[in-house]
Each structure stands twice: as structure tokens, then as C-alpha cells.
N, C-alpha and C. Protein backbone atom coordinates (compact mmCIF):
# COMPACT_ATOMS: atom_id res chain seq x y z
N MET A 1 31.90 21.10 -11.55
CA MET A 1 30.80 20.33 -12.07
C MET A 1 29.51 20.82 -11.40
N GLU A 2 28.54 21.18 -12.20
CA GLU A 2 27.26 21.69 -11.68
C GLU A 2 26.40 20.53 -11.18
N LYS A 3 25.77 20.76 -10.03
CA LYS A 3 24.80 19.81 -9.49
C LYS A 3 23.41 20.41 -9.61
N ARG A 4 22.46 19.57 -9.97
CA ARG A 4 21.06 19.99 -10.01
C ARG A 4 20.30 19.07 -9.07
N PHE A 5 19.34 19.65 -8.35
CA PHE A 5 18.57 18.91 -7.36
C PHE A 5 17.10 18.88 -7.74
N PHE A 6 16.46 17.75 -7.41
CA PHE A 6 15.05 17.56 -7.70
C PHE A 6 14.40 16.90 -6.49
N VAL A 7 13.15 17.24 -6.23
CA VAL A 7 12.40 16.61 -5.14
C VAL A 7 11.21 15.89 -5.75
N ALA A 8 10.99 14.66 -5.28
CA ALA A 8 9.84 13.87 -5.73
C ALA A 8 9.15 13.29 -4.51
N PHE A 9 7.86 13.04 -4.66
CA PHE A 9 7.08 12.39 -3.61
C PHE A 9 6.50 11.11 -4.17
N ASP A 10 6.72 10.03 -3.46
CA ASP A 10 6.20 8.72 -3.83
C ASP A 10 5.05 8.41 -2.88
N LEU A 11 3.83 8.42 -3.40
CA LEU A 11 2.65 8.17 -2.58
C LEU A 11 2.12 6.77 -2.89
N GLY A 12 2.28 5.87 -1.92
CA GLY A 12 1.82 4.50 -2.08
C GLY A 12 0.53 4.27 -1.32
N ALA A 13 0.06 3.04 -1.35
CA ALA A 13 -1.22 2.71 -0.73
C ALA A 13 -1.18 2.86 0.79
N THR A 14 -0.03 2.56 1.42
CA THR A 14 0.04 2.63 2.89
C THR A 14 1.11 3.57 3.41
N SER A 15 1.99 4.05 2.54
CA SER A 15 3.03 4.97 3.00
C SER A 15 3.47 5.87 1.85
N GLY A 16 4.20 6.89 2.22
CA GLY A 16 4.75 7.81 1.23
C GLY A 16 6.16 8.17 1.64
N ARG A 17 6.87 8.82 0.73
CA ARG A 17 8.22 9.26 1.06
C ARG A 17 8.61 10.45 0.21
N THR A 18 9.55 11.21 0.74
CA THR A 18 10.15 12.33 0.03
C THR A 18 11.49 11.86 -0.48
N ILE A 19 11.75 12.05 -1.76
CA ILE A 19 12.99 11.63 -2.39
C ILE A 19 13.72 12.85 -2.93
N LEU A 20 15.01 12.95 -2.63
CA LEU A 20 15.86 14.00 -3.19
C LEU A 20 16.71 13.38 -4.28
N GLY A 21 16.62 13.92 -5.48
CA GLY A 21 17.45 13.47 -6.59
C GLY A 21 18.55 14.48 -6.85
N THR A 22 19.75 13.99 -7.12
CA THR A 22 20.88 14.86 -7.45
C THR A 22 21.44 14.42 -8.79
N LEU A 23 21.52 15.36 -9.72
CA LEU A 23 22.07 15.10 -11.04
C LEU A 23 23.42 15.79 -11.12
N SER A 24 24.46 14.99 -11.29
CA SER A 24 25.82 15.53 -11.35
C SER A 24 26.66 14.67 -12.27
N GLY A 25 27.33 15.30 -13.21
CA GLY A 25 28.17 14.55 -14.13
C GLY A 25 27.42 13.53 -14.95
N GLY A 26 26.17 13.81 -15.25
CA GLY A 26 25.36 12.89 -16.04
C GLY A 26 24.82 11.70 -15.25
N LYS A 27 25.02 11.70 -13.93
CA LYS A 27 24.56 10.60 -13.10
C LYS A 27 23.51 11.09 -12.12
N LEU A 28 22.40 10.35 -12.00
CA LEU A 28 21.33 10.67 -11.07
C LEU A 28 21.44 9.76 -9.86
N THR A 29 21.50 10.36 -8.68
CA THR A 29 21.46 9.60 -7.44
C THR A 29 20.23 10.04 -6.66
N THR A 30 19.68 9.14 -5.86
CA THR A 30 18.49 9.46 -5.07
C THR A 30 18.76 9.15 -3.60
N GLU A 31 18.07 9.91 -2.76
CA GLU A 31 18.18 9.74 -1.31
C GLU A 31 16.79 9.89 -0.70
N GLU A 32 16.41 8.94 0.13
CA GLU A 32 15.13 9.06 0.84
C GLU A 32 15.32 10.05 1.99
N ILE A 33 14.50 11.10 1.99
CA ILE A 33 14.61 12.14 3.01
C ILE A 33 13.64 11.89 4.15
N THR A 34 12.39 11.61 3.83
CA THR A 34 11.40 11.30 4.86
C THR A 34 10.53 10.13 4.39
N ARG A 35 9.95 9.44 5.36
CA ARG A 35 8.97 8.39 5.09
C ARG A 35 7.80 8.66 6.03
N PHE A 36 6.59 8.47 5.53
CA PHE A 36 5.42 8.79 6.35
C PHE A 36 4.27 7.85 6.01
N PRO A 37 3.34 7.66 6.96
CA PRO A 37 2.19 6.78 6.71
C PRO A 37 1.18 7.46 5.77
N ASN A 38 0.49 6.66 5.03
CA ASN A 38 -0.60 7.14 4.18
C ASN A 38 -1.86 6.38 4.60
N ALA A 39 -2.48 6.87 5.65
CA ALA A 39 -3.64 6.19 6.21
C ALA A 39 -4.92 6.65 5.51
N MET A 40 -5.81 5.72 5.33
CA MET A 40 -7.10 6.04 4.74
C MET A 40 -8.05 6.51 5.84
N ILE A 41 -8.99 7.35 5.46
CA ILE A 41 -10.03 7.77 6.39
C ILE A 41 -11.38 7.41 5.77
N GLU A 42 -12.34 7.14 6.63
CA GLU A 42 -13.67 6.78 6.15
C GLU A 42 -14.60 7.98 6.25
N ILE A 43 -15.25 8.29 5.14
CA ILE A 43 -16.23 9.37 5.09
C ILE A 43 -17.47 8.81 4.41
N ASP A 44 -18.59 8.85 5.11
CA ASP A 44 -19.86 8.33 4.58
C ASP A 44 -19.74 6.89 4.07
N GLY A 45 -18.99 6.07 4.82
CA GLY A 45 -18.86 4.67 4.47
C GLY A 45 -17.90 4.37 3.34
N ARG A 46 -17.17 5.36 2.87
CA ARG A 46 -16.21 5.16 1.78
C ARG A 46 -14.82 5.57 2.24
N LEU A 47 -13.81 4.87 1.76
CA LEU A 47 -12.43 5.18 2.13
C LEU A 47 -11.83 6.21 1.18
N HIS A 48 -11.10 7.14 1.77
CA HIS A 48 -10.45 8.22 1.01
C HIS A 48 -9.05 8.44 1.57
N TRP A 49 -8.16 8.95 0.74
CA TRP A 49 -6.87 9.40 1.25
C TRP A 49 -7.12 10.61 2.14
N ASP A 50 -6.35 10.71 3.21
CA ASP A 50 -6.44 11.87 4.11
C ASP A 50 -5.57 12.98 3.51
N ILE A 51 -6.16 13.76 2.63
CA ILE A 51 -5.42 14.77 1.86
C ILE A 51 -4.77 15.82 2.76
N TYR A 52 -5.39 16.11 3.90
CA TYR A 52 -4.81 17.10 4.82
C TYR A 52 -3.55 16.55 5.48
N ALA A 53 -3.56 15.28 5.88
CA ALA A 53 -2.35 14.66 6.45
C ALA A 53 -1.26 14.56 5.39
N LEU A 54 -1.64 14.18 4.16
CA LEU A 54 -0.65 14.09 3.08
C LEU A 54 -0.01 15.45 2.82
N TYR A 55 -0.81 16.49 2.78
CA TYR A 55 -0.29 17.85 2.57
C TYR A 55 0.73 18.20 3.67
N ARG A 56 0.37 17.90 4.91
CA ARG A 56 1.26 18.17 6.04
C ARG A 56 2.59 17.41 5.87
N HIS A 57 2.53 16.15 5.45
CA HIS A 57 3.73 15.35 5.25
C HIS A 57 4.58 15.89 4.08
N LEU A 58 3.93 16.38 3.04
CA LEU A 58 4.68 16.95 1.92
C LEU A 58 5.43 18.21 2.35
N ILE A 59 4.77 19.04 3.14
CA ILE A 59 5.43 20.25 3.66
C ILE A 59 6.60 19.86 4.56
N GLU A 60 6.40 18.85 5.41
CA GLU A 60 7.49 18.38 6.27
C GLU A 60 8.67 17.86 5.44
N GLY A 61 8.37 17.18 4.35
CA GLY A 61 9.43 16.69 3.45
C GLY A 61 10.20 17.82 2.81
N LEU A 62 9.50 18.83 2.32
CA LEU A 62 10.17 19.99 1.73
C LEU A 62 11.01 20.72 2.77
N SER A 63 10.50 20.81 3.99
CA SER A 63 11.25 21.45 5.08
C SER A 63 12.53 20.67 5.38
N ALA A 64 12.44 19.34 5.37
CA ALA A 64 13.62 18.51 5.62
C ALA A 64 14.68 18.72 4.55
N VAL A 65 14.26 18.87 3.29
CA VAL A 65 15.20 19.16 2.19
C VAL A 65 15.84 20.53 2.42
N ALA A 66 15.04 21.51 2.79
CA ALA A 66 15.56 22.86 3.02
C ALA A 66 16.57 22.88 4.17
N ARG A 67 16.33 22.07 5.21
CA ARG A 67 17.28 22.01 6.34
C ARG A 67 18.63 21.46 5.90
N LYS A 68 18.65 20.69 4.80
CA LYS A 68 19.91 20.18 4.27
C LYS A 68 20.67 21.27 3.51
N GLY A 69 20.04 22.45 3.37
CA GLY A 69 20.67 23.56 2.67
C GLY A 69 20.56 23.46 1.15
N ILE A 70 19.56 22.72 0.69
CA ILE A 70 19.38 22.50 -0.75
C ILE A 70 18.14 23.23 -1.22
N THR A 71 18.27 23.93 -2.34
CA THR A 71 17.11 24.59 -2.94
C THR A 71 16.92 24.04 -4.35
N PRO A 72 15.99 23.08 -4.49
CA PRO A 72 15.75 22.47 -5.82
C PRO A 72 15.22 23.49 -6.81
């Protein structure tokens, strides 16, 4: 039975996570691989997502999937 793998990122207001999906036998299962904070930063009096921190967390999530020996 062939397995297919998918990676998704869930970015919420205060946290994010890396999710690994596995499709096998017509059934999709999900596993949380990493969870990370999504802190806002203030620039010129306005709040913004810290895109550099988010990028770093996304790379860390992909690295964690790769350490499991999975190539989506």
C-alpha cells in the first residue's frame, strides 16, 4: 500500500504548528510535528507578524519532518 505525505503549517494569532499528513489506504492521518509562538512585533506604532521568526520556525518544522526520514 502506497503512502503519501504532506506538510502543512497552521499559523494562528498567537502560535503556529507544523502538521504532517499521511494518506494511506484512502485514510488521512495527521501528526503535530512542531509548535511555535507567533509573536507580534511593533513597527512605527503598528503590530505586524514577525515574518523572519515565522520563516525560521517553518524551516525548523521542515527540518523536523526530514529528521523523521520523510520526504513529502
